[in-house]
Protein backbone atom coordinates (compact mmCIF):
# COMPACT_ATOMS: atom_id res chain seq x y z
CA MET A 1 112.82 95.02 89.50
CA ALA A 2 112.52 91.38 88.39
CA ASP A 3 113.90 88.63 90.61
CA THR A 4 117.40 87.45 89.76
CA ILE A 5 117.65 84.37 87.54
CA ASP A 6 120.92 82.59 86.74
CA LEU A 7 121.34 80.79 83.42
CA LEU A 8 124.28 78.38 83.17
CA VAL A 9 125.19 77.40 79.62
CA CYS A 10 128.09 75.71 77.84
CA GLU A 11 130.85 78.14 76.97
CA ASN A 12 130.21 77.30 73.30
CA TYR A 13 126.85 79.10 73.57
CA LEU A 14 127.77 81.86 76.00
CA GLU A 15 127.82 84.64 73.41
CA GLU A 16 124.45 83.56 71.98
CA ALA A 17 122.91 83.56 75.46
CA ARG A 18 124.32 87.00 76.22
CA ARG A 19 122.95 88.40 72.96
CA VAL A 20 119.46 87.03 73.64
CA VAL A 21 119.39 88.26 77.24
CA ALA A 22 120.53 91.74 76.21
CA SER A 23 117.93 91.99 73.46
CA ASP A 24 114.67 91.89 75.43
CA PRO A 25 113.43 93.55 78.68
CA LEU A 26 111.85 90.20 79.51
CA PHE A 27 115.31 89.09 80.60
CA ASP A 28 115.84 91.92 83.10
CA GLY A 29 117.51 90.44 86.14
CA VAL A 30 118.81 87.41 84.21
CA THR A 31 122.51 86.63 84.62
CA VAL A 32 124.32 84.36 82.19
CA ARG A 33 127.20 82.19 83.38
CA SER A 34 129.05 79.42 81.59
CA PHE A 35 130.64 76.07 82.32
CA PRO A 36 133.62 74.66 80.36
CA SER A 37 132.74 72.73 77.23
CA ARG A 38 132.53 69.01 77.95
CA CYS A 39 132.27 67.71 74.40
CA GLY A 40 134.09 64.35 74.47
CA ARG A 41 135.09 64.85 78.11
CA PRO A 42 133.59 63.78 81.49
CA PRO A 43 130.18 65.34 82.17
CA LEU A 44 129.68 68.31 84.45
CA SER A 45 129.80 67.29 88.12
CA LEU A 46 127.97 68.76 91.10
CA GLU A 47 131.19 70.35 92.29
CA ASP A 48 131.79 71.89 88.87
CA ALA A 49 128.27 73.31 88.77
CA SER A 50 128.63 74.78 92.27
CA GLN A 51 131.89 76.50 91.34
CA CYS A 52 130.38 77.95 88.18
CA LEU A 53 127.45 79.24 90.23
CA SER A 54 129.56 80.94 92.89
CA GLY A 55 128.86 78.51 95.68
CA GLY A 56 125.70 76.69 94.59
CA THR A 57 123.24 79.44 93.69
CA GLU A 58 120.03 78.14 92.15
CA ALA A 59 120.14 78.26 88.37
CA ASP A 60 118.73 76.90 85.14
CA ILE A 61 121.42 74.76 83.50
CA ILE A 62 121.16 74.22 79.76
CA GLY A 63 123.04 71.49 77.91
CA ASP A 64 123.08 67.96 76.53
CA SER A 65 125.09 64.87 77.52
CA CYS A 66 127.41 67.16 79.47
CA LEU A 67 124.69 67.25 82.17
CA ALA A 68 124.43 63.47 82.55
CA LEU A 69 125.79 63.40 86.11
CA LEU A 70 123.40 66.11 87.23
CA ARG A 71 120.50 64.48 85.43
CA ASP A 72 121.18 61.12 87.07
CA ALA A 73 121.42 62.65 90.56
CA PRO A 74 118.10 64.44 91.17
CA GLY A 75 117.60 66.19 94.48
CA SER A 76 121.32 66.28 95.05
CA GLY A 77 121.25 69.70 96.63
CA THR A 78 122.26 71.93 93.74
CA GLY A 79 118.87 73.65 93.70
CA CYS A 80 119.10 73.83 89.91
CA ARG A 81 116.76 72.97 87.05
CA LEU A 82 118.15 71.07 84.11
CA HIS A 83 117.10 71.79 80.52
CA ILE A 84 118.51 69.11 78.25
CA ALA A 85 118.47 69.36 74.45
CA THR A 86 119.64 66.19 72.68
CA PRO A 87 121.52 66.94 70.62
CA CYS A 88 122.34 70.43 71.80
CA PHE A 89 122.01 71.78 68.24
CA GLU A 90 118.23 71.61 68.78
CA MET A 91 118.62 74.79 70.79
CA PHE A 92 119.25 76.64 67.53
CA ALA A 93 117.21 74.72 64.95
CA GLY A 94 114.13 72.53 64.85
CA ARG A 95 114.47 68.87 65.80
CA GLY A 96 113.36 67.66 62.39
CA GLU A 97 115.89 69.86 60.64
CA VAL A 98 118.70 68.71 62.90
CA GLU A 99 117.82 65.02 62.62
CA ARG A 100 117.56 65.25 58.84
CA ALA A 101 120.98 66.89 58.58
CA ILE A 102 122.54 64.23 60.80
CA ARG A 103 120.94 61.42 58.76
CA GLU A 104 122.43 62.97 55.62
CA GLY A 105 125.88 62.76 57.21
CA ALA A 106 126.28 66.34 58.41
CA TYR A 107 128.70 67.10 61.24
CA LEU A 108 127.06 70.15 62.86
CA LEU A 109 129.12 72.99 64.26
CA THR A 110 128.44 76.27 66.06
CA PRO A 111 130.39 79.56 66.14
CA GLY A 112 131.43 78.98 69.75
CA TRP A 113 132.94 75.57 69.02
CA LEU A 114 134.71 76.80 65.91
CA ALA A 115 136.27 79.70 67.84
CA HIS A 116 138.54 77.16 69.58
CA TRP A 117 138.55 74.27 67.15
CA ARG A 118 142.32 73.85 67.21
CA GLU A 119 142.32 73.51 71.01
CA ARG A 120 139.46 71.01 70.76
CA ILE A 121 141.31 68.79 68.30
CA ALA A 122 144.48 69.02 70.39
CA SER A 123 142.56 67.89 73.48
CA TRP A 124 141.27 64.89 71.52
CA ARG A 125 144.89 64.03 70.67
CA PHE A 126 144.02 63.28 67.04
CA THR A 127 146.41 63.75 64.19
CA ARG A 128 145.00 65.25 61.04
CA GLU A 129 144.71 61.82 59.48
CA GLU A 130 143.13 60.32 62.62
CA LEU A 131 140.57 63.14 62.73
CA HIS A 132 139.62 62.53 59.11
CA ALA A 133 139.29 58.80 59.71
CA PHE A 134 137.23 59.36 62.85
CA LEU A 135 134.81 61.72 61.13
CA LEU A 136 134.63 59.68 57.96
CA GLU A 137 132.67 56.93 59.75
CA THR A 138 129.58 59.17 60.15
CA THR A 139 130.31 62.39 58.30
CA SER A 140 130.07 63.47 54.68
CA LYS A 141 130.17 67.24 55.18
CA LEU A 142 130.61 69.94 57.80
CA ILE A 143 127.72 72.34 58.41
CA LEU A 144 127.90 75.51 60.46
CA LEU A 145 124.67 76.52 62.17
CA ASP A 146 125.46 80.21 62.01
CA THR A 147 123.78 82.16 64.80
CA GLY A 148 125.22 85.45 63.62
CA VAL A 149 127.21 86.23 66.76
CA CYS A 150 130.67 85.99 65.19
CA ALA A 151 131.73 87.45 61.84
CA GLU A 152 134.75 85.13 61.66
CA SER A 153 132.77 81.89 61.88
CA SER A 154 132.69 81.26 58.11
CA ALA A 155 136.45 81.70 57.80
CA ARG A 156 137.04 79.37 60.74
CA LEU A 157 134.71 76.79 59.20
CA GLN A 158 136.74 76.87 56.00
CA GLU A 159 139.99 76.41 57.95
CA PHE A 160 138.59 73.47 59.89
CA ALA A 161 137.09 71.91 56.75
CA GLU A 162 140.44 72.09 54.94
CA TYR A 163 142.21 70.61 57.98
CA ALA A 164 139.70 67.74 58.33
CA GLY A 165 139.33 67.19 54.59
CA PHE A 166 135.56 67.54 54.25
CA PRO A 167 133.25 69.77 52.25
CA HIS A 168 131.43 72.42 54.22
CA ALA A 169 128.35 74.63 54.16
CA VAL A 170 126.77 77.41 56.23
CA VAL A 171 123.14 77.45 57.39
CA ASP A 172 121.95 80.76 58.82
CA VAL A 173 119.78 79.89 61.81
CA GLY A 174 119.94 83.16 63.74
CA LEU A 175 118.88 83.39 67.37
CA ASP A 176 115.10 83.11 67.12
CA HIS A 177 114.94 79.43 68.07
CA PHE A 178 117.40 79.88 70.94
CA SER A 179 115.55 83.01 72.10
CA ARG A 180 112.28 81.09 72.30
CA LEU A 181 114.00 78.38 74.33
CA LEU A 182 115.45 80.87 76.83
CA THR A 183 112.12 82.71 76.99
CA VAL A 184 110.30 79.53 78.01
CA ILE A 185 112.99 78.72 80.59
CA VAL A 186 112.91 82.21 82.11
CA LEU A 187 109.12 82.37 82.19
CA LYS A 188 108.94 78.99 83.92
CA ARG A 189 111.49 80.17 86.49
CA ARG A 190 109.56 83.41 87.08
CA LEU A 191 106.36 81.39 87.49
CA ALA A 192 108.11 79.17 90.04
CA GLN A 193 109.38 82.27 91.85
CA GLN A 194 105.88 83.75 91.95
CA GLN A 195 104.43 80.48 93.19
CA LEU A 196 107.08 80.38 95.92
CA LYS A 197 106.26 83.96 96.87
CA GLY A 198 102.58 83.06 96.94
CA GLU A 199 103.26 80.09 99.20
CA GLU A 200 105.41 82.26 101.46
CA THR A 201 102.66 84.89 101.56
CA VAL A 202 100.04 82.29 102.42
CA ALA A 203 102.29 80.83 105.12
CA LYS A 204 102.91 84.33 106.49
CA LEU A 205 99.19 85.12 106.50
CA ARG A 206 98.45 81.85 108.26
CA HIS A 207 101.12 82.68 110.81
CA GLN A 208 99.61 86.13 111.25
CA CYS A 209 96.15 84.61 111.73
CA SER A 210 97.60 82.34 114.38
CA ASP A 211 99.29 85.30 116.04
CA TYR A 212 96.08 87.35 115.95
CA ALA A 213 94.09 84.43 117.39
CA MET A 214 96.59 84.21 120.22
CA ALA A 215 96.42 87.98 120.66
CA LEU A 216 92.63 87.83 120.94
CA ASP A 217 92.95 85.04 123.49
CA LEU A 218 95.46 87.13 125.44
CA LEU A 219 93.20 90.15 125.22
CA GLY A 220 90.38 88.11 126.72
CA ARG A 221 92.62 86.86 129.54
CA PHE A 222 93.99 90.32 130.27
CA ASN A 223 90.48 91.74 130.18
CA CYS A 224 89.41 89.39 132.98
CA THR A 225 91.81 90.86 135.52
CA GLN A 226 91.87 94.28 137.15
CA ASP A 227 94.78 93.63 139.48
CA GLU A 228 98.23 94.89 138.46
CA GLU A 229 100.11 92.02 140.11
CA GLU A 230 97.97 89.46 138.32
CA THR A 231 98.36 91.37 135.05
CA ILE A 232 102.15 91.32 135.44
CA ARG A 233 102.03 87.56 136.01
CA LEU A 234 100.08 87.21 132.76
CA VAL A 235 102.68 89.37 130.97
CA LEU A 236 105.52 87.21 132.28
CA GLY A 237 103.66 84.00 131.45
CA THR A 238 103.06 85.17 127.89
CA PHE A 239 106.71 86.12 127.30
CA ASP A 240 107.77 82.84 128.88
CA MET A 241 105.52 80.95 126.45
CA LEU A 242 106.74 82.87 123.39
CA LEU A 243 110.49 83.05 124.01
CA ALA A 244 111.11 80.28 126.57
CA PRO A 245 113.96 82.31 128.13
CA LYS A 246 116.31 81.13 130.83
CA GLU A 247 115.61 84.26 132.89
CA LEU A 248 112.60 86.53 132.80
CA SER A 249 111.58 89.46 134.96
CA TYR A 250 109.36 92.54 134.91
CA VAL A 251 110.28 95.88 136.48
CA SER A 252 107.32 98.13 137.25
CA PHE A 253 107.72 101.89 136.86
CA GLU A 254 105.76 104.81 138.22
CA GLU A 255 106.50 108.43 137.36
CA GLY A 256 109.72 107.34 135.64
CA LYS A 257 111.11 105.47 138.64
CA ALA A 258 111.76 101.73 138.90
CA LEU A 259 109.84 100.57 141.96
CA ARG A 260 109.57 96.77 142.01
CA THR A 261 110.89 93.76 140.11
CA HIS A 262 108.72 90.72 139.51
CA SER A 263 109.47 87.16 138.37
CA LEU A 264 107.42 84.00 138.11
CA ALA A 265 109.77 82.09 140.41
CA ALA A 266 110.93 84.65 142.97
CA GLY A 267 107.89 86.91 143.26
CA SER A 268 108.50 90.64 143.73
CA GLY A 269 111.36 92.62 145.18
CA THR A 270 113.46 95.76 144.83
CA PRO A 271 115.36 96.13 141.52
CA ASP A 272 119.15 96.26 141.81
CA GLU A 273 121.08 99.33 140.70
CA ALA A 274 122.71 97.57 137.72
CA THR A 275 119.31 96.66 136.31
CA VAL A 276 118.01 100.18 136.87
CA ARG A 277 121.00 101.69 135.01
CA ARG A 278 120.58 99.19 132.18
CA LEU A 279 116.91 100.03 131.80
CA ALA A 280 117.60 103.75 131.93
CA ASP A 281 119.83 103.45 128.84
CA LEU A 282 117.06 101.89 126.71
CA ALA A 283 116.08 104.10 123.78
CA GLY A 284 112.83 103.17 122.08
CA ASN A 285 110.64 100.23 122.99
CA HIS A 286 113.07 97.38 122.41
CA CYS A 287 116.72 96.46 122.17
CA TRP A 288 118.82 93.30 121.92
CA SER A 289 121.35 92.37 124.52
CA ASP A 290 124.05 89.73 124.22
CA PRO A 291 123.94 86.86 124.50
CA GLY A 292 120.35 86.12 123.45
CA GLY A 293 118.63 88.75 125.58
CA SER A 294 116.11 91.51 125.03
CA LEU A 295 114.58 94.49 126.78
CA PHE A 296 110.98 95.53 126.13
CA ARG A 297 109.38 98.78 127.26
CA VAL A 298 105.73 98.65 128.29
CA ALA A 299 104.54 102.19 127.69
CA LEU A 300 101.37 104.15 127.10
CA ASP A 301 101.29 107.73 125.83
CA ASP A 302 105.07 108.03 126.31
CA GLU A 303 104.74 106.98 129.97
CA THR A 304 106.84 103.96 130.92
CA LEU A 305 104.73 101.53 132.93
CA GLY A 306 107.27 98.74 133.09
CA MET A 307 110.17 96.87 131.48
CA VAL A 308 110.33 93.21 130.51
CA VAL A 309 113.87 91.81 130.88
CA VAL A 310 114.58 88.61 128.90
CA GLU A 311 117.80 86.61 129.10
CA GLY A 312 118.84 83.48 127.16
CA ILE A 313 116.15 83.01 124.48
CA THR A 314 115.84 79.27 123.76
CA PHE A 315 115.16 79.59 120.01
CA PRO A 316 117.05 82.69 118.84
CA GLU A 317 116.36 81.88 115.17
CA TYR A 318 112.69 82.80 115.73
CA ARG A 319 113.27 85.73 118.02
CA GLN A 320 112.68 88.44 115.39
CA HIS A 321 109.23 87.09 114.62
CA TYR A 322 108.26 87.01 118.27
CA VAL A 323 109.81 90.41 118.89
CA ASP A 324 107.73 91.86 116.06
CA MET A 325 104.63 90.26 117.53
CA ALA A 326 105.50 91.57 120.99
CA LEU A 327 105.99 95.12 119.69
CA THR A 328 102.87 95.20 117.51
CA VAL A 329 100.41 93.16 119.59
CA LEU A 330 101.54 92.01 123.02
CA LEU A 331 103.13 95.17 124.45
CA PRO A 332 100.19 97.44 123.57
CA ILE A 333 97.79 94.95 125.21
CA CYS A 334 100.05 94.73 128.27
CA ALA A 335 100.30 98.51 128.51
CA LEU A 336 96.53 98.95 128.31
CA SER A 337 95.91 96.19 130.85
CA ILE A 338 98.43 97.52 133.35
CA ASN A 339 97.15 101.06 132.90
CA ASN A 340 93.57 99.84 133.39
CA ALA A 341 94.66 97.90 136.49
CA ARG A 342 96.30 101.03 137.90
CA ASN A 343 93.25 103.13 137.10
CA TYR A 344 91.09 100.51 138.79
CA GLU A 345 93.34 100.60 141.86
CA ARG A 346 93.18 104.39 141.88
CA LEU A 347 89.40 104.23 141.56
CA LYS A 348 89.22 101.73 144.43
CA ARG A 349 91.38 103.98 146.60
CA SER A 350 89.21 106.96 145.69
CA GLU A 351 86.05 105.02 146.52
CA GLN A 352 87.53 103.90 149.82
CA ALA A 353 88.61 107.44 150.65
CA LEU A 354 85.16 108.72 149.70
CA LEU A 355 83.51 106.03 151.80
CA ALA A 356 85.72 106.90 154.79
CA LEU A 357 84.93 110.58 154.28
CA THR A 358 81.22 109.81 154.07
CA ILE A 359 81.33 107.75 157.27
CA ASP A 360 83.28 110.48 159.05
CA LEU A 361 80.88 113.14 157.84
CA ASP A 362 77.90 111.06 158.88
CA GLN A 363 79.42 110.56 162.33
CA ARG A 364 80.12 114.26 162.65
CA VAL A 365 76.55 115.04 161.58
CA LYS A 366 75.23 112.65 164.20
CA GLU A 367 77.45 114.17 166.87
CA ARG A 368 76.43 117.69 165.87
CA THR A 369 72.81 116.68 165.80
CA ALA A 370 73.08 115.20 169.29
CA GLU A 371 74.81 118.35 170.47
CA LEU A 372 72.09 120.50 168.96
CA GLU A 373 69.38 118.36 170.49
CA LYS A 374 71.04 118.68 173.90
CA ASN A 375 71.29 122.44 173.46
CA ASN A 376 67.65 122.55 172.43
CA GLU A 377 66.63 120.72 175.57
CA GLN A 378 68.62 123.15 177.69
CA LEU A 379 67.05 126.10 175.89
CA THR A 380 63.64 124.58 176.43
CA LEU A 381 64.29 124.26 180.18
CA ILE A 382 65.56 127.83 180.37
CA ASN A 383 62.59 129.04 178.39
CA ARG A 384 60.19 127.21 180.74
CA PHE A 385 62.00 128.69 183.73
CA LEU A 386 61.74 132.19 182.30
CA VAL A 387 58.11 131.71 181.39
CA ASN A 388 57.28 130.43 184.87
CA ARG A 389 59.15 133.33 186.41
CA GLU A 390 57.22 135.81 184.30
CA LEU A 391 53.98 134.14 185.28
CA ARG A 392 54.87 134.29 188.98
CA MET A 393 55.87 137.90 188.62
CA ALA A 394 52.56 138.63 186.94
CA GLU A 395 50.69 136.91 189.73
CA LEU A 396 52.65 138.83 192.38
CA LYS A 397 51.99 142.08 190.58
CA GLU A 398 48.28 141.27 190.51
CA LYS A 399 48.22 140.47 194.23
CA ILE A 400 50.12 143.71 195.00
CA ARG A 401 47.67 145.64 192.92
CA LYS A 402 44.73 144.05 194.70
CA LEU A 403 46.32 144.72 198.06
CA GLU A 404 46.94 148.29 197.12
CA GLU A 405 43.36 148.69 195.94
CA GLY A 406 42.01 147.10 199.12
CA GLY A 407 44.16 149.30 201.31
CA GLY A 408 42.65 152.37 199.77
CA LYS A 409 39.06 151.46 200.98
CA ALA A 410 39.93 150.73 204.58
CA PRO A 411 38.60 153.02 207.35
């Protein structure tokens, strides 16, 4: 759907503007409003324009001398563009045609003006004779520039001509000229809207580039630490830089339980019960708290690693931008860093436990080896004793045998 565009025209041309806008899809989203006719009266003021635009909405205002005050006060805060046609009949016919008619003494009229001609004359406070005398100075005939929006315009022209005492004529101008004018105005406004959108997009992209550059810097800083306490200090420092809160703390969680609270000023401690209950009620990864506070969940794979508690944001008008950045960039980095720090701590504990086990096993091996060596020595001694005993027994047996053999040869 096209962006909304407000056209503000004199009430004398309201019906023409409505007909043009309704005739072409180009004018989708275009709203036509009107201001009271100021022919012969004080020009339209800033206050008048604001009231006609429902409180000062930006608009394209189309008119002639009735816009003199707005034209002479540029940048006055209305946020409107002025489109001045002098005289205003040039909106419906070419300039040359209008100027030629005026030089020939024509008093130009439009269907919208004629619809209320009696009220116009009454507001001028002219009698019939005074009106004739007033027009007679510059006018030789009355000409209706008939746009075709009112079937009664010709009859009203005749009534006014008879009242003023002048000949009259009708020139069929239609709405082509006016349609081209409104088309140019609307296309210029749409171009301005697209340019504004482009500028906003560029500004947003630049802001995003700045955010991503900061995120890369943060990623590098977080990547340089493997300690959870140091990582938490980096998290708090980053949130402090972004939101400049009056109070800031981080509550670390393990297995769904709040274990410790950390702050840049007070260090670490045990979280109070009120804070624990408040954090337990958090649904999702973020919520606002009044006045000017926020809760952020640091989580990875549905496991809550910690909560950032922010109170009293200094610049609440920018908080949504920084919250979006925190949710899309900062919190995932924090979660990964804290998880990596915990994994590193677990790995260190495992290595230490393995080292202690290795030392204990080595000591036990040494002790067992010493015990075995001692046992081996004892076995060796026993074996030597047994061997020596066997040898002695063998020697004794040999001596006994020899004695026995010698005893058998004796006389």
